[in-house]
Amino acid sequence: MSFEEKRDIQRVLWEEMRKLTLPKCMGCKGIKNKYRCCDRTFCDKVRAMLELWQIKGYTYREDQEVPYMGKHGCTIPAHHRPICASYVCPENFEEDPAFKEKYVELAKLCFESETPPLPRKV
């Protein structure tokens, strides 16, 4: 399998993870702020990952509470923010056994796609 094919699979897997976790996040009853669990800490970690991977082209807005948040959600694609795309708060993770099973299966595939880590390009 070529590098490009592996990277395409990685993109699809992380997008599937985002789609799986998003409804849990949007329906969360333990909302911490208007962005749910998204906060500057996650954006700072993503910013560091983007720098490590030498990915440019995303605007980090210092003046915003959540620097990568846009009008319609996060401005960073799921495969460039695995720490966010895979996050589910403990309450949402534990309350739904079917979700938990699907999540664990998909997470395994996502993280296996990262081994060895693939260089990233925008």
N, C-alpha and C. Protein backbone atom coordinates (compact mmCIF):
# COMPACT_ATOMS: atom_id res chain seq x y z
N MET A 1 0.85 -1.18 0.00
CA MET A 1 0.00 0.00 0.00
C MET A 1 0.90 1.25 0.00
N SER A 2 0.53 2.19 -0.83
CA SER A 2 1.34 3.40 -0.95
C SER A 2 1.11 4.33 0.25
N PHE A 3 2.01 5.27 0.39
CA PHE A 3 1.90 6.28 1.44
C PHE A 3 0.59 7.04 1.31
N GLU A 4 0.25 7.44 0.09
CA GLU A 4 -0.98 8.20 -0.14
C GLU A 4 -2.21 7.39 0.23
N GLU A 5 -2.21 6.10 -0.08
CA GLU A 5 -3.34 5.24 0.28
C GLU A 5 -3.48 5.11 1.80
N LYS A 6 -2.35 4.96 2.47
CA LYS A 6 -2.37 4.88 3.94
C LYS A 6 -2.90 6.18 4.54
N ARG A 7 -2.46 7.30 4.00
CA ARG A 7 -2.90 8.59 4.50
C ARG A 7 -4.39 8.79 4.25
N ASP A 8 -4.89 8.34 3.09
CA ASP A 8 -6.32 8.45 2.80
C ASP A 8 -7.14 7.61 3.77
N ILE A 9 -6.66 6.41 4.08
CA ILE A 9 -7.35 5.55 5.04
C ILE A 9 -7.36 6.22 6.41
N GLN A 10 -6.25 6.80 6.77
CA GLN A 10 -6.13 7.50 8.05
C GLN A 10 -7.15 8.65 8.13
N ARG A 11 -7.26 9.41 7.07
CA ARG A 11 -8.23 10.51 7.04
C ARG A 11 -9.66 10.01 7.24
N VAL A 12 -10.00 8.93 6.54
CA VAL A 12 -11.35 8.37 6.63
C VAL A 12 -11.61 7.86 8.05
N LEU A 13 -10.65 7.17 8.63
CA LEU A 13 -10.83 6.63 9.99
C LEU A 13 -11.05 7.75 11.00
N TRP A 14 -10.23 8.79 10.94
CA TRP A 14 -10.38 9.88 11.91
C TRP A 14 -11.68 10.66 11.69
N GLU A 15 -12.12 10.77 10.45
CA GLU A 15 -13.41 11.41 10.19
C GLU A 15 -14.55 10.57 10.75
N GLU A 16 -14.44 9.25 10.63
CA GLU A 16 -15.44 8.36 11.22
C GLU A 16 -15.46 8.51 12.74
N MET A 17 -14.29 8.67 13.34
CA MET A 17 -14.22 8.87 14.79
C MET A 17 -14.91 10.18 15.16
N ARG A 18 -14.66 11.22 14.39
CA ARG A 18 -15.31 12.51 14.65
C ARG A 18 -16.83 12.37 14.57
N LYS A 19 -17.30 11.68 13.55
CA LYS A 19 -18.74 11.48 13.38
C LYS A 19 -19.34 10.65 14.51
N LEU A 20 -18.58 9.71 15.02
CA LEU A 20 -19.06 8.87 16.12
C LEU A 20 -19.16 9.65 17.43
N THR A 21 -18.15 10.46 17.72
CA THR A 21 -18.10 11.17 19.01
C THR A 21 -18.93 12.45 19.02
N LEU A 22 -19.14 13.07 17.87
CA LEU A 22 -19.83 14.36 17.83
C LEU A 22 -21.24 14.34 18.45
N PRO A 23 -22.08 13.37 18.13
CA PRO A 23 -23.41 13.37 18.75
C PRO A 23 -23.36 13.25 20.28
N LYS A 24 -22.40 12.51 20.78
CA LYS A 24 -22.25 12.40 22.23
C LYS A 24 -21.88 13.76 22.81
N CYS A 25 -20.99 14.45 22.14
CA CYS A 25 -20.56 15.76 22.60
C CYS A 25 -21.70 16.77 22.52
N MET A 26 -22.40 16.79 21.41
CA MET A 26 -23.46 17.77 21.21
C MET A 26 -24.64 17.54 22.15
N GLY A 27 -24.85 16.30 22.56
CA GLY A 27 -25.96 15.99 23.46
C GLY A 27 -25.56 15.89 24.91
N CYS A 28 -24.36 16.33 25.24
CA CYS A 28 -23.83 16.20 26.60
C CYS A 28 -24.66 17.01 27.60
N LYS A 29 -24.94 16.36 28.71
CA LYS A 29 -25.70 17.03 29.77
C LYS A 29 -24.78 17.74 30.76
N GLY A 30 -23.51 17.42 30.73
CA GLY A 30 -22.55 18.03 31.66
C GLY A 30 -21.75 19.13 30.99
N ILE A 31 -22.43 19.97 30.22
CA ILE A 31 -21.77 21.01 29.44
C ILE A 31 -20.94 21.93 30.35
N LYS A 32 -19.66 22.04 30.00
CA LYS A 32 -18.74 22.87 30.78
C LYS A 32 -18.74 24.31 30.31
N ASN A 33 -18.92 24.52 29.02
CA ASN A 33 -19.00 25.86 28.45
C ASN A 33 -19.76 25.75 27.13
N LYS A 34 -19.92 26.84 26.42
CA LYS A 34 -20.71 26.79 25.20
C LYS A 34 -20.09 25.91 24.12
N TYR A 35 -18.83 25.53 24.27
CA TYR A 35 -18.15 24.67 23.31
C TYR A 35 -18.02 23.25 23.82
N ARG A 36 -18.80 22.89 24.80
CA ARG A 36 -18.76 21.57 25.45
C ARG A 36 -17.39 21.41 26.10
N CYS A 37 -16.69 20.32 25.78
CA CYS A 37 -15.37 20.09 26.41
C CYS A 37 -14.22 20.75 25.65
N CYS A 38 -14.50 21.35 24.49
CA CYS A 38 -13.44 22.02 23.73
C CYS A 38 -12.98 23.24 24.53
N ASP A 39 -11.67 23.36 24.63
CA ASP A 39 -11.12 24.55 25.29
C ASP A 39 -9.73 24.84 24.76
N ARG A 40 -9.17 25.92 25.23
CA ARG A 40 -7.86 26.38 24.77
C ARG A 40 -6.78 25.31 24.96
N THR A 41 -6.88 24.51 26.01
CA THR A 41 -5.88 23.48 26.27
C THR A 41 -5.78 22.50 25.10
N PHE A 42 -6.94 22.06 24.59
CA PHE A 42 -6.92 21.16 23.44
C PHE A 42 -6.34 21.86 22.21
N CYS A 43 -6.73 23.11 21.99
CA CYS A 43 -6.19 23.85 20.84
C CYS A 43 -4.68 24.00 20.94
N ASP A 44 -4.18 24.24 22.14
CA ASP A 44 -2.73 24.37 22.32
C ASP A 44 -2.02 23.05 21.99
N LYS A 45 -2.62 21.94 22.37
CA LYS A 45 -2.03 20.62 22.05
C LYS A 45 -2.07 20.37 20.54
N VAL A 46 -3.17 20.73 19.91
CA VAL A 46 -3.28 20.57 18.46
C VAL A 46 -2.26 21.47 17.76
N ARG A 47 -2.12 22.68 18.25
CA ARG A 47 -1.14 23.62 17.67
C ARG A 47 0.27 23.03 17.72
N ALA A 48 0.62 22.42 18.84
CA ALA A 48 1.93 21.78 18.99
C ALA A 48 2.08 20.61 18.01
N MET A 49 1.01 19.84 17.84
CA MET A 49 1.06 18.72 16.89
C MET A 49 1.24 19.23 15.47
N LEU A 50 0.51 20.28 15.12
CA LEU A 50 0.63 20.84 13.77
C LEU A 50 2.06 21.35 13.52
N GLU A 51 2.65 21.97 14.51
CA GLU A 51 4.04 22.45 14.38
C GLU A 51 4.99 21.27 14.22
N LEU A 52 4.79 20.22 15.02
CA LEU A 52 5.63 19.03 14.93
C LEU A 52 5.52 18.40 13.54
N TRP A 53 4.31 18.35 13.01
CA TRP A 53 4.08 17.74 11.70
C TRP A 53 4.36 18.72 10.56
N GLN A 54 4.75 19.93 10.89
CA GLN A 54 5.06 20.99 9.92
C GLN A 54 3.87 21.28 8.99
N ILE A 55 2.70 21.36 9.59
CA ILE A 55 1.48 21.67 8.85
C ILE A 55 1.15 23.13 9.09
N LYS A 56 0.96 23.85 8.01
CA LYS A 56 0.65 25.28 8.09
C LYS A 56 -0.70 25.54 7.43
N GLY A 57 -1.21 26.73 7.62
CA GLY A 57 -2.42 27.12 6.92
C GLY A 57 -3.65 27.23 7.80
N TYR A 58 -3.52 26.96 9.09
CA TYR A 58 -4.65 27.09 10.00
C TYR A 58 -4.43 28.29 10.91
N THR A 59 -5.48 29.04 11.15
CA THR A 59 -5.37 30.25 11.96
C THR A 59 -5.70 29.96 13.41
N TYR A 60 -4.74 30.24 14.26
CA TYR A 60 -4.89 30.13 15.71
C TYR A 60 -5.27 31.52 16.20
N ARG A 61 -6.50 31.67 16.65
CA ARG A 61 -7.00 32.98 17.05
C ARG A 61 -6.83 33.19 18.55
N GLU A 62 -5.78 33.91 18.90
CA GLU A 62 -5.46 34.20 20.30
C GLU A 62 -6.61 34.88 21.04
N ASP A 63 -7.39 35.68 20.32
CA ASP A 63 -8.44 36.46 20.96
C ASP A 63 -9.71 35.66 21.24
N GLN A 64 -9.76 34.41 20.83
CA GLN A 64 -10.93 33.57 21.05
C GLN A 64 -10.74 32.64 22.24
N GLU A 65 -11.84 32.30 22.89
CA GLU A 65 -11.82 31.36 24.01
C GLU A 65 -11.28 29.99 23.55
N VAL A 66 -11.72 29.56 22.36
CA VAL A 66 -11.25 28.31 21.76
C VAL A 66 -10.65 28.69 20.40
N PRO A 67 -9.31 28.81 20.33
CA PRO A 67 -8.63 29.42 19.18
C PRO A 67 -8.89 28.83 17.80
N TYR A 68 -9.20 27.53 17.70
CA TYR A 68 -9.46 26.93 16.39
C TYR A 68 -10.95 26.77 16.10
N MET A 69 -11.81 27.33 16.93
CA MET A 69 -13.25 27.19 16.73
C MET A 69 -13.74 28.21 15.71
N GLY A 70 -14.49 27.71 14.73
CA GLY A 70 -15.09 28.58 13.73
C GLY A 70 -16.60 28.63 13.92
N LYS A 71 -17.28 29.26 13.00
CA LYS A 71 -18.74 29.40 13.08
C LYS A 71 -19.45 28.05 13.10
N HIS A 72 -18.88 27.08 12.41
CA HIS A 72 -19.53 25.77 12.27
C HIS A 72 -18.73 24.65 12.93
N GLY A 73 -17.98 24.98 13.94
CA GLY A 73 -17.19 23.97 14.65
C GLY A 73 -15.71 24.17 14.46
N CYS A 74 -14.97 23.15 14.79
CA CYS A 74 -13.51 23.22 14.71
C CYS A 74 -13.06 23.39 13.26
N THR A 75 -12.05 24.21 13.07
CA THR A 75 -11.55 24.49 11.72
C THR A 75 -10.44 23.53 11.30
N ILE A 76 -10.06 22.62 12.18
CA ILE A 76 -8.99 21.66 11.89
C ILE A 76 -9.61 20.32 11.54
N PRO A 77 -9.22 19.70 10.42
CA PRO A 77 -9.77 18.38 10.07
C PRO A 77 -9.45 17.34 11.15
N ALA A 78 -10.31 16.36 11.29
CA ALA A 78 -10.19 15.35 12.34
C ALA A 78 -8.83 14.64 12.34
N HIS A 79 -8.28 14.34 11.17
CA HIS A 79 -7.01 13.61 11.13
C HIS A 79 -5.82 14.46 11.57
N HIS A 80 -6.01 15.77 11.68
CA HIS A 80 -4.96 16.66 12.18
C HIS A 80 -5.16 17.01 13.65
N ARG A 81 -6.23 16.46 14.26
CA ARG A 81 -6.49 16.70 15.67
C ARG A 81 -7.02 15.43 16.35
N PRO A 82 -6.23 14.36 16.27
CA PRO A 82 -6.71 13.09 16.84
C PRO A 82 -7.04 13.18 18.33
N ILE A 83 -6.34 14.04 19.06
CA ILE A 83 -6.61 14.19 20.48
C ILE A 83 -8.04 14.69 20.71
N CYS A 84 -8.54 15.52 19.83
CA CYS A 84 -9.91 16.04 19.95
C CYS A 84 -10.92 15.08 19.35
N ALA A 85 -10.62 14.59 18.15
CA ALA A 85 -11.56 13.72 17.45
C ALA A 85 -11.90 12.47 18.25
N SER A 86 -10.96 12.02 19.07
CA SER A 86 -11.18 10.78 19.83
C SER A 86 -11.67 11.04 21.25
N TYR A 87 -11.81 12.29 21.64
CA TYR A 87 -12.20 12.58 23.03
C TYR A 87 -13.69 12.37 23.26
N VAL A 88 -14.00 11.67 24.33
CA VAL A 88 -15.37 11.52 24.82
C VAL A 88 -15.27 11.60 26.33
N CYS A 89 -16.11 12.41 26.95
CA CYS A 89 -16.06 12.53 28.40
C CYS A 89 -16.47 11.19 29.03
N PRO A 90 -15.97 10.91 30.23
CA PRO A 90 -16.26 9.63 30.88
C PRO A 90 -17.76 9.34 31.02
N GLU A 91 -18.56 10.36 31.28
CA GLU A 91 -20.00 10.15 31.44
C GLU A 91 -20.62 9.58 30.16
N ASN A 92 -20.29 10.18 29.04
CA ASN A 92 -20.83 9.71 27.76
C ASN A 92 -20.26 8.37 27.34
N PHE A 93 -19.03 8.11 27.71
CA PHE A 93 -18.38 6.85 27.32
C PHE A 93 -18.99 5.67 28.06
N GLU A 94 -19.21 5.83 29.34
CA GLU A 94 -19.66 4.71 30.16
C GLU A 94 -21.15 4.42 30.07
N GLU A 95 -21.96 5.40 29.71
CA GLU A 95 -23.41 5.21 29.79
C GLU A 95 -24.01 4.40 28.64
N ASP A 96 -23.26 4.18 27.57
CA ASP A 96 -23.80 3.53 26.37
C ASP A 96 -22.89 2.39 25.93
N PRO A 97 -23.20 1.14 26.34
CA PRO A 97 -22.34 0.00 26.01
C PRO A 97 -22.14 -0.21 24.50
N ALA A 98 -23.17 0.01 23.70
CA ALA A 98 -23.04 -0.16 22.25
C ALA A 98 -22.07 0.88 21.67
N PHE A 99 -22.20 2.12 22.12
CA PHE A 99 -21.28 3.17 21.69
C PHE A 99 -19.85 2.81 22.11
N LYS A 100 -19.69 2.40 23.35
CA LYS A 100 -18.38 2.06 23.89
C LYS A 100 -17.70 0.98 23.06
N GLU A 101 -18.46 -0.04 22.69
CA GLU A 101 -17.90 -1.13 21.88
C GLU A 101 -17.46 -0.62 20.50
N LYS A 102 -18.31 0.16 19.86
CA LYS A 102 -17.96 0.71 18.54
C LYS A 102 -16.77 1.66 18.64
N TYR A 103 -16.76 2.48 19.69
CA TYR A 103 -15.67 3.43 19.90
C TYR A 103 -14.33 2.70 20.05
N VAL A 104 -14.30 1.68 20.90
CA VAL A 104 -13.06 0.94 21.15
C VAL A 104 -12.55 0.30 19.86
N GLU A 105 -13.45 -0.27 19.08
CA GLU A 105 -13.08 -0.90 17.82
C GLU A 105 -12.50 0.13 16.84
N LEU A 106 -13.19 1.28 16.71
CA LEU A 106 -12.73 2.32 15.79
C LEU A 106 -11.44 2.97 16.29
N ALA A 107 -11.34 3.20 17.58
CA ALA A 107 -10.11 3.79 18.14
C ALA A 107 -8.91 2.92 17.84
N LYS A 108 -9.08 1.62 17.96
CA LYS A 108 -7.98 0.69 17.66
C LYS A 108 -7.52 0.87 16.22
N LEU A 109 -8.48 0.94 15.30
CA LEU A 109 -8.13 1.13 13.89
C LEU A 109 -7.46 2.48 13.66
N CYS A 110 -7.99 3.53 14.29
CA CYS A 110 -7.40 4.86 14.14
C CYS A 110 -5.96 4.89 14.62
N PHE A 111 -5.75 4.38 15.80
CA PHE A 111 -4.40 4.44 16.36
C PHE A 111 -3.44 3.49 15.67
N GLU A 112 -3.94 2.37 15.16
CA GLU A 112 -3.10 1.49 14.35
C GLU A 112 -2.67 2.18 13.06
N SER A 113 -3.54 3.03 12.53
CA SER A 113 -3.20 3.76 11.30
C SER A 113 -2.07 4.76 11.55
N GLU A 114 -1.82 5.06 12.81
CA GLU A 114 -0.75 5.99 13.19
C GLU A 114 0.59 5.29 13.41
N THR A 115 0.63 3.97 13.27
CA THR A 115 1.84 3.21 13.56
C THR A 115 2.38 2.60 12.28
N PRO A 116 3.56 2.96 11.83
CA PRO A 116 4.35 4.06 12.38
C PRO A 116 3.68 5.39 12.02
N PRO A 117 4.00 6.44 12.76
CA PRO A 117 3.38 7.74 12.48
C PRO A 117 3.64 8.17 11.04
N LEU A 118 2.58 8.59 10.39
CA LEU A 118 2.73 9.05 9.01
C LEU A 118 3.01 10.54 8.98
N PRO A 119 3.95 10.95 8.15
CA PRO A 119 4.15 12.40 7.98
C PRO A 119 2.87 13.01 7.44
N ARG A 120 2.55 14.19 7.85
CA ARG A 120 1.30 14.82 7.43
C ARG A 120 1.57 16.03 6.58
N LYS A 121 0.71 16.21 5.67
CA LYS A 121 0.73 17.41 4.82
C LYS A 121 -0.69 17.91 4.71
N VAL A 122 -0.85 19.19 4.54
CA VAL A 122 -2.18 19.79 4.42
C VAL A 122 -2.88 19.23 3.21
